[in-house]
PDB file of N, CA and C in Angstrom:
ATOM      1  N   MET A   1      91.083 108.620  45.801  1.00  0.00           N
ATOM      2  CA  MET A   1      89.813 108.955  45.779  1.00  0.00           C
ATOM      3  C   MET A   1      89.849 110.161  44.618  1.00  0.00           C
ATOM      4  N   VAL A   2      90.422 110.572  44.749  1.00  0.00           N
ATOM      5  CA  VAL A   2      90.122 111.583  43.267  1.00  0.00           C
ATOM      6  C   VAL A   2      90.584 110.826  41.670  1.00  0.00           C
ATOM      7  N   LYS A   3      91.357 110.070  41.747  1.00  0.00           N
ATOM      8  CA  LYS A   3      91.498 109.327  40.602  1.00  0.00           C
ATOM      9  C   LYS A   3      90.325 108.459  40.364  1.00  0.00           C
ATOM     10  N   ARG A   4      89.404 107.798  41.616  1.00  0.00           N
ATOM     11  CA  ARG A   4      88.373 106.920  41.198  1.00  0.00           C
ATOM     12  C   ARG A   4      87.440 107.619  40.827  1.00  0.00           C
ATOM     13  N   TRP A   5      87.166 108.960  41.423  1.00  0.00           N
ATOM     14  CA  TRP A   5      86.280 110.210  41.233  1.00  0.00           C
ATOM     15  C   TRP A   5      86.301 110.489  39.382  1.00  0.00           C
ATOM     16  N   MET A   6      87.076 110.718  39.220  1.00  0.00           N
ATOM     17  CA  MET A   6      87.651 111.498  38.302  1.00  0.00           C
ATOM     18  C   MET A   6      87.452 109.781  36.754  1.00  0.00           C
ATOM     19  N   ALA A   7      88.195 108.851  37.181  1.00  0.00           N
ATOM     20  CA  ALA A   7      87.438 107.866  36.301  1.00  0.00           C
ATOM     21  C   ALA A   7      86.289 107.280  36.338  1.00  0.00           C
ATOM     22  N   GLY A   8      85.535 107.936  37.419  1.00  0.00           N
ATOM     23  CA  GLY A   8      83.862 107.503  37.416  1.00  0.00           C
ATOM     24  C   GLY A   8      83.156 108.432  36.580  1.00  0.00           C
ATOM     25  N   VAL A   9      83.677 109.611  36.617  1.00  0.00           N
ATOM     26  CA  VAL A   9      82.948 110.739  35.797  1.00  0.00           C
ATOM     27  C   VAL A   9      83.323 110.799  34.108  1.00  0.00           C
ATOM     28  N   ILE A  10      84.634 110.463  33.769  1.00  0.00           N
ATOM     29  CA  ILE A  10      84.645 109.830  32.336  1.00  0.00           C
ATOM     30  C   ILE A  10      84.574 108.946  31.841  1.00  0.00           C
ATOM     31  N   GLY A  11      84.177 107.982  32.932  1.00  0.00           N
ATOM     32  CA  GLY A  11      83.560 106.311  32.351  1.00  0.00           C
ATOM     33  C   GLY A  11      82.002 106.698  32.031  1.00  0.00           C
ATOM     34  N   ALA A  12      81.500 107.651  32.642  1.00  0.00           N
ATOM     35  CA  ALA A  12      80.100 107.666  32.715  1.00  0.00           C
ATOM     36  C   ALA A  12      79.771 108.576  31.458  1.00  0.00           C
ATOM     37  N   LEU A  13      80.760 109.424  31.152  1.00  0.00           N
ATOM     38  CA  LEU A  13      80.284 110.324  29.786  1.00  0.00           C
ATOM     39  C   LEU A  13      81.066 109.330  28.717  1.00  0.00           C
ATOM     40  N   THR A  14      81.857 108.390  28.361  1.00  0.00           N
ATOM     41  CA  THR A  14      82.279 107.999  27.758  1.00  0.00           C
ATOM     42  C   THR A  14      81.414 106.663  27.394  1.00  0.00           C
ATOM     43  N   LEU A  15      80.773 105.815  28.571  1.00  0.00           N
ATOM     44  CA  LEU A  15      79.796 105.342  28.461  1.00  0.00           C
ATOM     45  C   LEU A  15      78.257 105.552  27.604  1.00  0.00           C
ATOM     46  N   GLY A  16      77.813 107.113  28.262  1.00  0.00           N
ATOM     47  CA  GLY A  16      76.978 107.880  27.668  1.00  0.00           C
ATOM     48  C   GLY A  16      77.496 107.874  25.954  1.00  0.00           C
ATOM     49  N   ASN A  17      78.722 108.354  25.719  1.00  0.00           N
ATOM     50  CA  ASN A  17      78.937 108.560  24.208  1.00  0.00           C
ATOM     51  C   ASN A  17      78.703 107.374  23.738  1.00  0.00           C
ATOM     52  N   GLY A  18      78.939 106.114  24.030  1.00  0.00           N
ATOM     53  CA  GLY A  18      78.960 104.862  23.391  1.00  0.00           C
ATOM     54  C   GLY A  18      77.369 104.586  23.269  1.00  0.00           C
ATOM     55  N   ILE A  19      76.962 104.427  24.253  1.00  0.00           N
ATOM     56  CA  ILE A  19      75.529 104.072  24.076  1.00  0.00           C
ATOM     57  C   ILE A  19      74.639 105.227  22.966  1.00  0.00           C
ATOM     58  N   ALA A  20      74.826 106.360  23.082  1.00  0.00           N
ATOM     59  CA  ALA A  20      74.466 107.180  21.573  1.00  0.00           C
ATOM     60  C   ALA A  20      74.646 106.792  20.513  1.00  0.00           C
ATOM     61  N   MET A  21      75.876 106.470  20.575  1.00  0.00           N
ATOM     62  CA  MET A  21      76.262 105.959  19.083  1.00  0.00           C
ATOM     63  C   MET A  21      75.839 104.410  18.573  1.00  0.00           C
ATOM     64  N   LEU A  22      75.324 104.041  19.479  1.00  0.00           N
ATOM     65  CA  LEU A  22      74.810 102.272  19.138  1.00  0.00           C
ATOM     66  C   LEU A  22      73.102 102.780  19.442  1.00  0.00           C
ATOM     67  N   ILE A  23      72.485 103.505  19.858  1.00  0.00           N
ATOM     68  CA  ILE A  23      71.493 103.678  19.971  1.00  0.00           C
ATOM     69  C   ILE A  23      70.751 104.329  18.492  1.00  0.00           C
ATOM     70  N   ASP A  24      71.256 105.672  18.269  1.00  0.00           N
ATOM     71  CA  ASP A  24      70.782 106.515  17.267  1.00  0.00           C
ATOM     72  C   ASP A  24      72.205 107.489  16.867  1.00  0.00           C
ATOM     73  N   GLY A  25      72.923 106.041  15.949  1.00  0.00           N
ATOM     74  CA  GLY A  25      73.877 106.759  15.095  1.00  0.00           C
ATOM     75  C   GLY A  25      73.527 107.652  14.353  1.00  0.00           C
ATOM     76  N   PRO A  26      72.682 107.810  13.430  1.00  0.00           N
ATOM     77  CA  PRO A  26      72.691 109.218  12.530  1.00  0.00           C
ATOM     78  C   PRO A  26      72.576 110.080  13.384  1.00  0.00           C
ATOM     79  N   GLN A  27      71.900 110.099  14.793  1.00  0.00           N
ATOM     80  CA  GLN A  27      71.613 111.439  15.506  1.00  0.00           C
ATOM     81  C   GLN A  27      72.842 111.696  15.828  1.00  0.00           C
ATOM     82  N   TRP A  28      73.973 111.007  16.452  1.00  0.00           N
ATOM     83  CA  TRP A  28      75.021 111.400  17.104  1.00  0.00           C
ATOM     84  C   TRP A  28      75.678 111.614  16.072  1.00  0.00           C
ATOM     85  N   TYR A  29      75.572 111.666  14.709  1.00  0.00           N
ATOM     86  CA  TYR A  29      76.711 111.494  13.880  1.00  0.00           C
ATOM     87  C   TYR A  29      76.326 112.986  13.317  1.00  0.00           C
ATOM     88  N   ALA A  30      74.735 113.136  13.445  1.00  0.00           N
ATOM     89  CA  ALA A  30      74.384 115.153  12.756  1.00  0.00           C
ATOM     90  C   ALA A  30      74.845 115.995  14.091  1.00  0.00           C
ATOM     91  N   THR A  31      75.310 115.887  14.970  1.00  0.00           N
ATOM     92  CA  THR A  31      74.920 116.714  16.232  1.00  0.00           C
ATOM     93  C   THR A  31      76.407 116.639  16.905  1.00  0.00           C
ATOM     94  N   VAL A  32      77.380 115.824  16.665  1.00  0.00           N
ATOM     95  CA  VAL A  32      78.880 116.709  17.106  1.00  0.00           C
ATOM     96  C   VAL A  32      79.332 116.988  16.309  1.00  0.00           C
ATOM     97  N   PRO A  33      80.026 118.411  16.682  1.00  0.00           N
ATOM     98  CA  PRO A  33      80.798 118.954  15.874  1.00  0.00           C
ATOM     99  C   PRO A  33      82.056 118.414  15.072  1.00  0.00           C
ATOM    100  N   GLY A  34      82.613 118.634  13.641  1.00  0.00           N
ATOM    101  CA  GLY A  34      82.923 117.779  13.027  1.00  0.00           C
ATOM    102  C   GLY A  34      82.975 116.744  12.086  1.00  0.00           C
ATOM    103  N   VAL A  35      82.019 116.005  12.893  1.00  0.00           N
ATOM    104  CA  VAL A  35      81.741 114.548  12.537  1.00  0.00           C
ATOM    105  C   VAL A  35      81.276 114.427  10.976  1.00  0.00           C
ATOM    106  N   THR A  36      80.563 115.072  10.663  1.00  0.00           N
ATOM    107  CA  THR A  36      80.040 115.073   9.110  1.00  0.00           C
ATOM    108  C   THR A  36      80.723 115.531   8.080  1.00  0.00           C
ATOM    109  N   GLU A  37      81.682 116.138   8.438  1.00  0.00           N
ATOM    110  CA  GLU A  37      82.886 116.644   7.745  1.00  0.00           C
ATOM    111  C   GLU A  37      84.316 115.624   7.726  1.00  0.00           C
ATOM    112  N   THR A  38      84.063 114.181   7.831  1.00  0.00           N
ATOM    113  CA  THR A  38      84.834 113.476   7.526  1.00  0.00           C
ATOM    114  C   THR A  38      84.509 112.273   6.609  1.00  0.00           C
ATOM    115  N   GLY A  39      82.971 112.670   6.254  1.00  0.00           N
ATOM    116  CA  GLY A  39      82.581 111.666   4.948  1.00  0.00           C
ATOM    117  C   GLY A  39      81.151 111.302   5.407  1.00  0.00           C
ATOM    118  N   PRO A  40      80.310 110.382   4.598  1.00  0.00           N
ATOM    119  CA  PRO A  40      78.973 109.955   4.828  1.00  0.00           C
ATOM    120  C   PRO A  40      78.990 109.066   6.226  1.00  0.00           C
ATOM    121  N   PHE A  41      78.074 109.378   6.089  1.00  0.00           N
ATOM    122  CA  PHE A  41      77.184 108.304   7.654  1.00  0.00           C
ATOM    123  C   PHE A  41      77.671 107.027   7.095  1.00  0.00           C
ATOM    124  N   ASN A  42      78.051 106.409   7.955  1.00  0.00           N
ATOM    125  CA  ASN A  42      78.079 104.829   7.782  1.00  0.00           C
ATOM    126  C   ASN A  42      78.121 103.982   9.211  1.00  0.00           C
ATOM    127  N   PRO A  43      77.023 103.453   8.954  1.00  0.00           N
ATOM    128  CA  PRO A  43      76.062 102.950  10.332  1.00  0.00           C
ATOM    129  C   PRO A  43      77.268 101.784  11.000  1.00  0.00           C
ATOM    130  N   HIS A  44      77.659 100.503  10.268  1.00  0.00           N
ATOM    131  CA  HIS A  44      78.460 100.052  10.653  1.00  0.00           C
ATOM    132  C   HIS A  44      79.463 100.373  11.534  1.00  0.00           C
ATOM    133  N   PHE A  45      79.934 101.524  11.076  1.00  0.00           N
ATOM    134  CA  PHE A  45      81.756 101.891  11.342  1.00  0.00           C
ATOM    135  C   PHE A  45      81.212 102.976  12.896  1.00  0.00           C
ATOM    136  N   VAL A  46      80.074 103.703  12.787  1.00  0.00           N
ATOM    137  CA  VAL A  46      79.446 104.205  13.772  1.00  0.00           C
ATOM    138  C   VAL A  46      79.108 103.295  14.907  1.00  0.00           C
ATOM    139  N   ALA A  47      78.627 102.022  15.107  1.00  0.00           N
ATOM    140  CA  ALA A  47      78.127 101.420  15.966  1.00  0.00           C
ATOM    141  C   ALA A  47      79.392 100.464  16.084  1.00  0.00           C
ATOM    142  N   ASP A  48      80.846 100.163  15.091  1.00  0.00           N
ATOM    143  CA  ASP A  48      82.058  99.798  15.734  1.00  0.00           C
ATOM    144  C   ASP A  48      82.483 100.253  16.678  1.00  0.00           C
ATOM    145  N   ILE A  49      82.753 101.781  16.676  1.00  0.00           N
ATOM    146  CA  ILE A  49      83.669 103.121  17.409  1.00  0.00           C
ATOM    147  C   ILE A  49      82.408 102.956  19.214  1.00  0.00           C
ATOM    148  N   GLY A  50      81.108 103.007  18.493  1.00  0.00           N
ATOM    149  CA  GLY A  50      80.232 103.201  20.114  1.00  0.00           C
ATOM    150  C   GLY A  50      80.471 101.950  20.730  1.00  0.00           C
ATOM    151  N   ALA A  51      80.600 100.832  20.502  1.00  0.00           N
ATOM    152  CA  ALA A  51      81.069  99.957  20.949  1.00  0.00           C
ATOM    153  C   ALA A  51      82.307  99.835  21.520  1.00  0.00           C
ATOM    154  N   ALA A  52      83.312 100.381  21.159  1.00  0.00           N
ATOM    155  CA  ALA A  52      84.630 100.556  21.892  1.00  0.00           C
ATOM    156  C   ALA A  52      84.667 101.567  23.039  1.00  0.00           C
ATOM    157  N   PHE A  53      83.637 102.497  22.548  1.00  0.00           N
ATOM    158  CA  PHE A  53      83.862 103.630  24.019  1.00  0.00           C
ATOM    159  C   PHE A  53      82.521 103.287  24.824  1.00  0.00           C
ATOM    160  N   LEU A  54      81.198 102.285  24.698  1.00  0.00           N
ATOM    161  CA  LEU A  54      81.004 101.616  25.713  1.00  0.00           C
ATOM    162  C   LEU A  54      81.679 100.683  26.582  1.00  0.00           C
ATOM    163  N   ILE A  55      82.607 100.051  25.927  1.00  0.00           N
ATOM    164  CA  ILE A  55      83.646  99.090  26.623  1.00  0.00           C
ATOM    165  C   ILE A  55      84.757 100.407  27.720  1.00  0.00           C
ATOM    166  N   ALA A  56      84.923 100.601  26.957  1.00  0.00           N
ATOM    167  CA  ALA A  56      86.046 101.696  27.836  1.00  0.00           C
ATOM    168  C   ALA A  56      85.897 102.626  28.579  1.00  0.00           C
ATOM    169  N   GLY A  57      83.913 102.832  28.688  1.00  0.00           N
ATOM    170  CA  GLY A  57      83.081 103.381  29.676  1.00  0.00           C
ATOM    171  C   GLY A  57      83.232 102.392  30.771  1.00  0.00           C
ATOM    172  N   ILE A  58      82.364 101.612  30.266  1.00  0.00           N
ATOM    173  CA  ILE A  58      82.731 100.545  31.460  1.00  0.00           C
ATOM    174  C   ILE A  58      84.173 100.133  32.146  1.00  0.00           C
ATOM    175  N   ALA A  59      84.803 100.199  31.395  1.00  0.00           N
ATOM    176  CA  ALA A  59      86.480  99.830  31.937  1.00  0.00           C
ATOM    177  C   ALA A  59      86.754 101.064  32.834  1.00  0.00           C
ATOM    178  N   LEU A  60      86.253 102.440  32.711  1.00  0.00           N
ATOM    179  CA  LEU A  60      87.026 103.114  33.857  1.00  0.00           C
ATOM    180  C   LEU A  60      85.885 103.161  34.888  1.00  0.00           C
ATOM    181  N   ALA A  61      84.875 103.101  34.903  1.00  0.00           N
ATOM    182  CA  ALA A  61      83.550 103.111  35.765  1.00  0.00           C
ATOM    183  C   ALA A  61      84.123 101.840  36.552  1.00  0.00           C
ATOM    184  N   ALA A  62      84.588 100.886  36.090  1.00  0.00           N
ATOM    185  CA  ALA A  62      85.196  99.767  37.182  1.00  0.00           C
ATOM    186  C   ALA A  62      86.103 100.123  38.072  1.00  0.00           C
ATOM    187  N   ARG A  63      87.162 101.131  37.632  1.00  0.00           N
ATOM    188  CA  ARG A  63      87.785 101.983  38.705  1.00  0.00           C
ATOM    189  C   ARG A  63      87.622 102.461  39.608  1.00  0.00           C
ATOM    190  N   ALA A  64      86.303 103.301  39.454  1.00  0.00           N
ATOM    191  CA  ALA A  64      85.419 103.964  40.266  1.00  0.00           C
ATOM    192  C   ALA A  64      84.871 103.302  41.131  1.00  0.00           C
ATOM    193  N   TRP A  65      84.599 102.369  40.816  1.00  0.00           N
ATOM    194  CA  TRP A  65      83.787 101.223  42.004  1.00  0.00           C
ATOM    195  C   TRP A  65      84.628 100.111  42.529  1.00  0.00           C
ATOM    196  N   ARG A  66      86.122  99.996  42.264  1.00  0.00           N
ATOM    197  CA  ARG A  66      86.675  98.930  42.588  1.00  0.00           C
ATOM    198  C   ARG A  66      87.846  99.300  42.221  1.00  0.00           C
ATOM    199  N   PRO A  67      88.876 100.305  43.148  1.00  0.00           N
ATOM    200  CA  PRO A  67      90.278 100.628  43.079  1.00  0.00           C
ATOM    201  C   PRO A  67      91.139  99.304  42.091  1.00  0.00           C
ATOM    202  N   LYS A  68      90.797  98.200  42.485  1.00  0.00           N
ATOM    203  CA  LYS A  68      91.948  96.966  42.199  1.00  0.00           C
ATOM    204  C   LYS A  68      91.613  96.717  40.796  1.00  0.00           C
ATOM    205  N   TYR A  69      90.476  97.109  40.012  1.00  0.00           N
ATOM    206  CA  TYR A  69      90.178  97.372  38.661  1.00  0.00           C
ATOM    207  C   TYR A  69      91.157  98.392  38.043  1.00  0.00           C
ATOM    208  N   TRP A  70      91.603  98.685  38.226  1.00  0.00           N
ATOM    209  CA  TRP A  70      92.720 100.065  37.370  1.00  0.00           C
ATOM    210  C   TRP A  70      93.369  99.364  36.451  1.00  0.00           C
ATOM    211  N   PRO A  71      93.460  98.266  35.931  1.00  0.00           N
ATOM    212  CA  PRO A  71      93.712  97.410  35.001  1.00  0.00           C
ATOM    213  C   PRO A  71      92.921  97.697  33.736  1.00  0.00           C
ATOM    214  N   ALA A  72      91.811  97.467  34.493  1.00  0.00           N
ATOM    215  CA  ALA A  72      90.803  97.387  33.237  1.00  0.00           C
ATOM    216  C   ALA A  72      90.649  99.151  32.827  1.00  0.00           C
ATOM    217  N   ALA A  73      90.949 100.013  33.476  1.00  0.00           N
ATOM    218  CA  ALA A  73      90.359 101.129  33.664  1.00  0.00           C
ATOM    219  C   ALA A  73      91.518 102.110  32.588  1.00  0.00           C
ATOM    220  N   LEU A  74      92.646 100.998  32.708  1.00  0.00           N
ATOM    221  CA  LEU A  74      94.521 101.378  32.042  1.00  0.00           C
ATOM    222  C   LEU A  74      93.565 101.321  30.324  1.00  0.00           C
ATOM    223  N   ALA A  75      93.330 100.099  30.304  1.00  0.00           N
ATOM    224  CA  ALA A  75      93.180  99.406  28.801  1.00  0.00           C
ATOM    225  C   ALA A  75      92.451 100.607  28.141  1.00  0.00           C
ATOM    226  N   GLY A  76      90.691 100.861  29.257  1.00  0.00           N
ATOM    227  CA  GLY A  76      89.745 101.569  28.524  1.00  0.00           C
ATOM    228  C   GLY A  76      90.677 103.401  28.251  1.00  0.00           C
ATOM    229  N   ALA A  77      91.225 103.418  28.836  1.00  0.00           N
ATOM    230  CA  ALA A  77      91.639 104.525  28.817  1.00  0.00           C
ATOM    231  C   ALA A  77      92.779 104.665  27.724  1.00  0.00           C
ATOM    232  N   GLY A  78      93.693 103.598  27.360  1.00  0.00           N
ATOM    233  CA  GLY A  78      94.086 103.189  26.396  1.00  0.00           C
ATOM    234  C   GLY A  78      93.580 103.696  25.122  1.00  0.00           C
ATOM    235  N   PHE A  79      92.337 103.075  24.505  1.00  0.00           N
ATOM    236  CA  PHE A  79      91.748 103.305  23.611  1.00  0.00           C
ATOM    237  C   PHE A  79      91.176 104.765  23.204  1.00  0.00           C
ATOM    238  N   LEU A  80      91.047 105.521  24.433  1.00  0.00           N
ATOM    239  CA  LEU A  80      90.827 107.628  24.752  1.00  0.00           C
ATOM    240  C   LEU A  80      91.901 107.826  23.875  1.00  0.00           C
ATOM    241  N   ALA A  81      93.145 107.316  24.817  1.00  0.00           N
ATOM    242  CA  ALA A  81      94.447 108.064  24.279  1.00  0.00           C
ATOM    243  C   ALA A  81      94.723 107.849  22.759  1.00  0.00           C
ATOM    244  N   ALA A  82      94.270 106.619  22.004  1.00  0.00           N
ATOM    245  CA  ALA A  82      94.799 106.227  20.963  1.00  0.00           C
ATOM    246  C   ALA A  82      93.881 106.997  19.746  1.00  0.00           C
ATOM    247  N   HIS A  83      92.562 107.043  20.286  1.00  0.00           N
ATOM    248  CA  HIS A  83      91.914 107.843  19.380  1.00  0.00           C
ATOM    249  C   HIS A  83      92.043 109.734  19.942  1.00  0.00           C
ATOM    250  N   ALA A  84      92.655 110.189  21.040  1.00  0.00           N
ATOM    251  CA  ALA A  84      93.172 111.277  21.067  1.00  0.00           C
ATOM    252  C   ALA A  84      94.149 111.703  20.190  1.00  0.00           C
ATOM    253  N   LEU A  85      95.067 110.528  20.385  1.00  0.00           N
ATOM    254  CA  LEU A  85      96.213 110.995  19.367  1.00  0.00           C
ATOM    255  C   LEU A  85      95.669 111.393  17.517  1.00  0.00           C
ATOM    256  N   ILE A  86      94.750 110.680  17.039  1.00  0.00           N
ATOM    257  CA  ILE A  86      94.390 110.547  15.847  1.00  0.00           C
ATOM    258  C   ILE A  86      93.877 112.235  15.422  1.00  0.00           C
ATOM    259  N   HIS A  87      93.775 113.152  16.933  1.00  0.00           N
ATOM    260  CA  HIS A  87      92.578 113.871  16.727  1.00  0.00           C
ATOM    261  C   HIS A  87      93.995 115.222  16.583  1.00  0.00           C
ATOM    262  N   VAL A  88      94.565 114.530  17.771  1.00  0.00           N
ATOM    263  CA  VAL A  88      96.210 115.546  17.871  1.00  0.00           C
ATOM    264  C   VAL A  88      96.655 115.918  16.506  1.00  0.00           C
ATOM    265  N   PHE A  89      96.630 114.629  15.744  1.00  0.00           N
ATOM    266  CA  PHE A  89      97.717 114.852  14.540  1.00  0.00           C
ATOM    267  C   PHE A  89      96.912 115.495  13.579  1.00  0.00           C
ATOM    268  N   GLY A  90      95.268 115.633  13.668  1.00  0.00           N
ATOM    269  CA  GLY A  90      94.850 116.030  12.602  1.00  0.00           C
ATOM    270  C   GLY A  90      94.870 117.523  12.857  1.00  0.00           C
ATOM    271  N   ILE A  91      94.711 118.058  14.013  1.00  0.00           N
ATOM    272  CA  ILE A  91      95.136 119.114  14.559  1.00  0.00           C
ATOM    273  C   ILE A  91      96.182 119.870  13.991  1.00  0.00           C
ATOM    274  N   LEU A  92      97.427 119.255  14.177  1.00  0.00           N
ATOM    275  CA  LEU A  92      98.907 119.595  13.955  1.00  0.00           C
ATOM    276  C   LEU A  92      98.936 120.024  12.471  1.00  0.00           C
ATOM    277  N   GLY A  93      98.413 118.901  11.827  1.00  0.00           N
ATOM    278  CA  GLY A  93      98.050 118.871  10.517  1.00  0.00           C
ATOM    279  C   GLY A  93      97.533 119.806   9.607  1.00  0.00           C
ATOM    280  N   GLY A  94      96.730 120.833  10.422  1.00  0.00           N
ATOM    281  CA  GLY A  94      95.926 121.756   9.664  1.00  0.00           C
ATOM    282  C   GLY A  94      94.770 121.029   9.665  1.00  0.00           C
ATOM    283  N   HIS A  95      94.014 119.835   9.537  1.00  0.00           N
ATOM    284  CA  HIS A  95      92.871 119.523   8.863  1.00  0.00           C
ATOM    285  C   HIS A  95      91.713 119.374   9.864  1.00  0.00           C
ATOM    286  N   SER A  96      91.371 119.889  10.830  1.00  0.00           N
ATOM    287  CA  SER A  96      90.133 120.213  11.825  1.00  0.00           C
ATOM    288  C   SER A  96      90.001 121.649  11.932  1.00  0.00           C
ATOM    289  N   HIS A  97      88.759 121.749  11.998  1.00  0.00           N
ATOM    290  CA  HIS A  97      88.147 123.084  12.179  1.00  0.00           C
ATOM    291  C   HIS A  97      87.546 123.441  13.366  1.00  0.00           C
ATOM    292  N   HIS A  98      87.611 122.536  13.943  1.00  0.00           N
ATOM    293  CA  HIS A  98      86.706 122.036  15.469  1.00  0.00           C
ATOM    294  C   HIS A  98      88.032 122.073  16.524  1.00  0.00           C
ATOM    295  N   ALA A  99      89.165 122.261  16.453  1.00  0.00           N
ATOM    296  CA  ALA A  99      90.497 122.577  17.430  1.00  0.00           C
ATOM    297  C   ALA A  99      90.051 122.502  19.081  1.00  0.00           C
ATOM    298  N   GLY A 100      89.618 123.640  19.271  1.00  0.00           N
ATOM    299  CA  GLY A 100      89.027 123.746  20.544  1.00  0.00           C
ATOM    300  C   GLY A 100      88.006 122.620  21.196  1.00  0.00           C
ATOM    301  N   PHE A 101      87.235 122.534  20.098  1.00  0.00           N
ATOM    302  CA  PHE A 101      86.000 121.640  20.997  1.00  0.00           C
ATOM    303  C   PHE A 101      86.673 119.709  21.268  1.00  0.00           C
ATOM    304  N   GLU A 102      87.692 119.488  19.854  1.00  0.00           N
ATOM    305  CA  GLU A 102      88.419 118.328  19.785  1.00  0.00           C
ATOM    306  C   GLU A 102      89.428 118.012  21.306  1.00  0.00           C
ATOM    307  N   THR A 103      90.055 119.556  21.427  1.00  0.00           N
ATOM    308  CA  THR A 103      90.783 119.591  22.877  1.00  0.00           C
ATOM    309  C   THR A 103      89.815 119.465  23.994  1.00  0.00           C
ATOM    310  N   LEU A 104      88.749 119.664  24.062  1.00  0.00           N
ATOM    311  CA  LEU A 104      88.036 120.048  25.228  1.00  0.00           C
ATOM    312  C   LEU A 104      87.451 118.468  25.514  1.00  0.00           C
ATOM    313  N   SER A 105      86.807 117.959  24.204  1.00  0.00           N
ATOM    314  CA  SER A 105      86.260 116.858  24.148  1.00  0.00           C
ATOM    315  C   SER A 105      86.970 115.660  24.238  1.00  0.00           C
ATOM    316  N   VAL A 106      87.746 115.349  23.316  1.00  0.00           N
ATOM    317  CA  VAL A 106      88.566 114.785  23.265  1.00  0.00           C
ATOM    318  C   VAL A 106      90.255 114.547  23.740  1.00  0.00           C
ATOM    319  N   ILE A 107      90.804 115.675  23.683  1.00  0.00           N
ATOM    320  CA  ILE A 107      92.496 115.276  23.939  1.00  0.00           C
ATOM    321  C   ILE A 107      92.489 115.661  25.937  1.00  0.00           C
ATOM    322  N   LEU A 108      91.559 116.460  26.201  1.00  0.00           N
ATOM    323  CA  LEU A 108      91.589 116.412  27.734  1.00  0.00           C
ATOM    324  C   LEU A 108      91.189 115.222  28.329  1.00  0.00           C
ATOM    325  N   PRO A 109      90.199 115.184  28.255  1.00  0.00           N
ATOM    326  CA  PRO A 109      89.268 113.640  28.865  1.00  0.00           C
ATOM    327  C   PRO A 109      90.366 112.650  28.902  1.00  0.00           C
ATOM    328  N   SER A 110      91.075 112.288  27.193  1.00  0.00           N
ATOM    329  CA  SER A 110      92.039 111.367  27.638  1.00  0.00           C
ATOM    330  C   SER A 110      93.137 111.062  28.334  1.00  0.00           C
ATOM    331  N   ALA A 111      93.701 112.385  28.206  1.00  0.00           N
ATOM    332  CA  ALA A 111      94.524 112.714  29.396  1.00  0.00           C
ATOM    333  C   ALA A 111      94.314 112.364  30.814  1.00  0.00           C
ATOM    334  N   LEU A 112      93.339 112.640  30.730  1.00  0.00           N
ATOM    335  CA  LEU A 112      92.486 112.755  32.497  1.00  0.00           C
ATOM    336  C   LEU A 112      92.400 111.238  32.835  1.00  0.00           C
ATOM    337  N   ALA A 113      91.955 110.405  32.044  1.00  0.00           N
ATOM    338  CA  ALA A 113      91.358 109.065  32.017  1.00  0.00           C
ATOM    339  C   ALA A 113      92.455 108.121  32.297  1.00  0.00           C
ATOM    340  N   LEU A 114      93.678 108.844  31.077  1.00  0.00           N
ATOM    341  CA  LEU A 114      94.844 107.676  31.952  1.00  0.00           C
ATOM    342  C   LEU A 114      95.622 108.421  32.867  1.00  0.00           C
ATOM    343  N   TRP A 115      95.364 109.382  33.276  1.00  0.00           N
ATOM    344  CA  TRP A 115      96.126 109.730  35.104  1.00  0.00           C
ATOM    345  C   TRP A 115      95.203 108.844  35.815  1.00  0.00           C
ATOM    346  N   ALA A 116      93.827 108.747  35.903  1.00  0.00           N
ATOM    347  CA  ALA A 116      92.951 108.595  36.864  1.00  0.00           C
ATOM    348  C   ALA A 116      93.091 107.023  36.887  1.00  0.00           C
ATOM    349  N   SER A 117      93.327 106.102  35.735  1.00  0.00           N
ATOM    350  CA  SER A 117      93.574 105.090  35.697  1.00  0.00           C
ATOM    351  C   SER A 117      94.975 104.242  36.288  1.00  0.00           C
ATOM    352  N   LEU A 118      96.049 105.064  36.439  1.00  0.00           N
ATOM    353  CA  LEU A 118      97.039 104.729  37.315  1.00  0.00           C
ATOM    354  C   LEU A 118      96.902 104.444  38.576  1.00  0.00           C
ATOM    355  N   PRO A 119      97.633 103.555  38.928  1.00  0.00           N
ATOM    356  CA  PRO A 119      97.246 103.813  40.824  1.00  0.00           C
ATOM    357  C   PRO A 119      97.751 104.193  41.201  1.00  0.00           C
ATOM    358  N   VAL A 120      97.366 104.369  42.328  1.00  0.00           N
ATOM    359  CA  VAL A 120      97.993 105.062  43.416  1.00  0.00           C
ATOM    360  C   VAL A 120      99.054 104.541  44.489  1.00  0.00           C
ATOM    361  N   LYS A 121     100.032 104.641  45.162  1.00  0.00           N
ATOM    362  CA  LYS A 121     100.657 104.087  45.778  1.00  0.00           C
ATOM    363  C   LYS A 121     100.039 103.115  46.936  1.00  0.00           C
ATOM    364  N   GLY A 122     100.515 101.811  47.123  1.00  0.00           N
ATOM    365  CA  GLY A 122      99.619 100.657  47.679  1.00  0.00           C
ATOM    366  C   GLY A 122      98.314 100.451  47.103  1.00  0.00           C
ATOM    367  N   GLU A 123      98.053 100.478  45.705  1.00  0.00           N
ATOM    368  CA  GLU A 123      97.024  99.986  45.273  1.00  0.00           C
ATOM    369  C   GLU A 123      97.649  98.778  44.551  1.00  0.00           C
ATOM    370  N   SER A 124      96.869  98.008  44.678  1.00  0.00           N
ATOM    371  CA  SER A 124      97.122  96.483  44.032  1.00  0.00           C
ATOM    372  C   SER A 124      96.227  96.482  42.605  1.00  0.00           C
ATOM    373  N   HIS A 125      96.237  95.542  42.035  1.00  0.00           N
ATOM    374  CA  HIS A 125      95.201  94.816  41.018  1.00  0.00           C
ATOM    375  C   HIS A 125      94.574  93.780  41.111  1.00  0.00           C
ATOM    376  N   ALA A 126      93.445  93.456  40.702  1.00  0.00           N
ATOM    377  CA  ALA A 126      92.611  92.169  40.873  1.00  0.00           C
ATOM    378  C   ALA A 126      93.482  91.257  40.341  1.00  0.00           C
TER     379      ALA A 126
END
């Protein structure tokens, strides 16, 4: 039950992030710490990534709704994990000025999403 709850919380936050990126990319770009340091705003790029966050959030929320959908959640968490690894390498390479923010907002939720996605004993898949 804890894994389902965690998948639901992270799924909702991830879904919200994706929606914000799709609805108001310029505002999202301007307000998330460190994003403006990556280069000029690219609306297509922000929308592409927003779509990935949207789908990952839906996949994690599916696990909260139905435990047998854990494979979908694992796929969504896989995107979050790949995204987090990019941030880990950026931090380790000294390219981040917001390591604390990235750790709390990207890396930790990714690890929790992976954990929450994995089935507990006796859970089958759809």
